[in-house]
């Protein structure tokens, strides 16, 4: 996999990292207008890629890597941050997970978009009841589509005033 700046990096084998690769290579260019990878954890090496300077500028607590989602992508054009969980074994963006991230990102000045990414429909169906409202779902086997968990808008930052 080629990271920003042209650096070639190998992810450890496995379904989780295969999904993370799809997120960076397929999701990001489709749904972020000007995507910039800020964080990617590997199954074997949790902090494989960290753009610490950019995360610090967005008020991400760098001391809490274990609480960060699997992939973080910044859409510089719209000032949105996509917080993406790659769901292969652990759960999706549940209400509990969203609230946990909201707590640690209270000072983040940009829009936050919560995404649960699944490799396929089978895995999505296994977790469907856990997915939080006002979040997005992306399924790698259908990469051009998003499922939005609400009806009043589509793909935008979560309204933090409603919590």
Foldseek 3Di string as FASTA:
>chain_A
DAAPVRDDDDADDDDQVVQVVLCVPQVCVQQAVAKHWAAAQGPVRGGPDHPPVVCVVQQQPPVPSVLAARTWIARVVQQEIEREHEDDPDAACAVVSVVVVCVRRVSGPGFYAGEYEYQAVVSCVVHVVRHYAQHKYAHSVPRNDIDHRDDPDPDTGDDPVVD
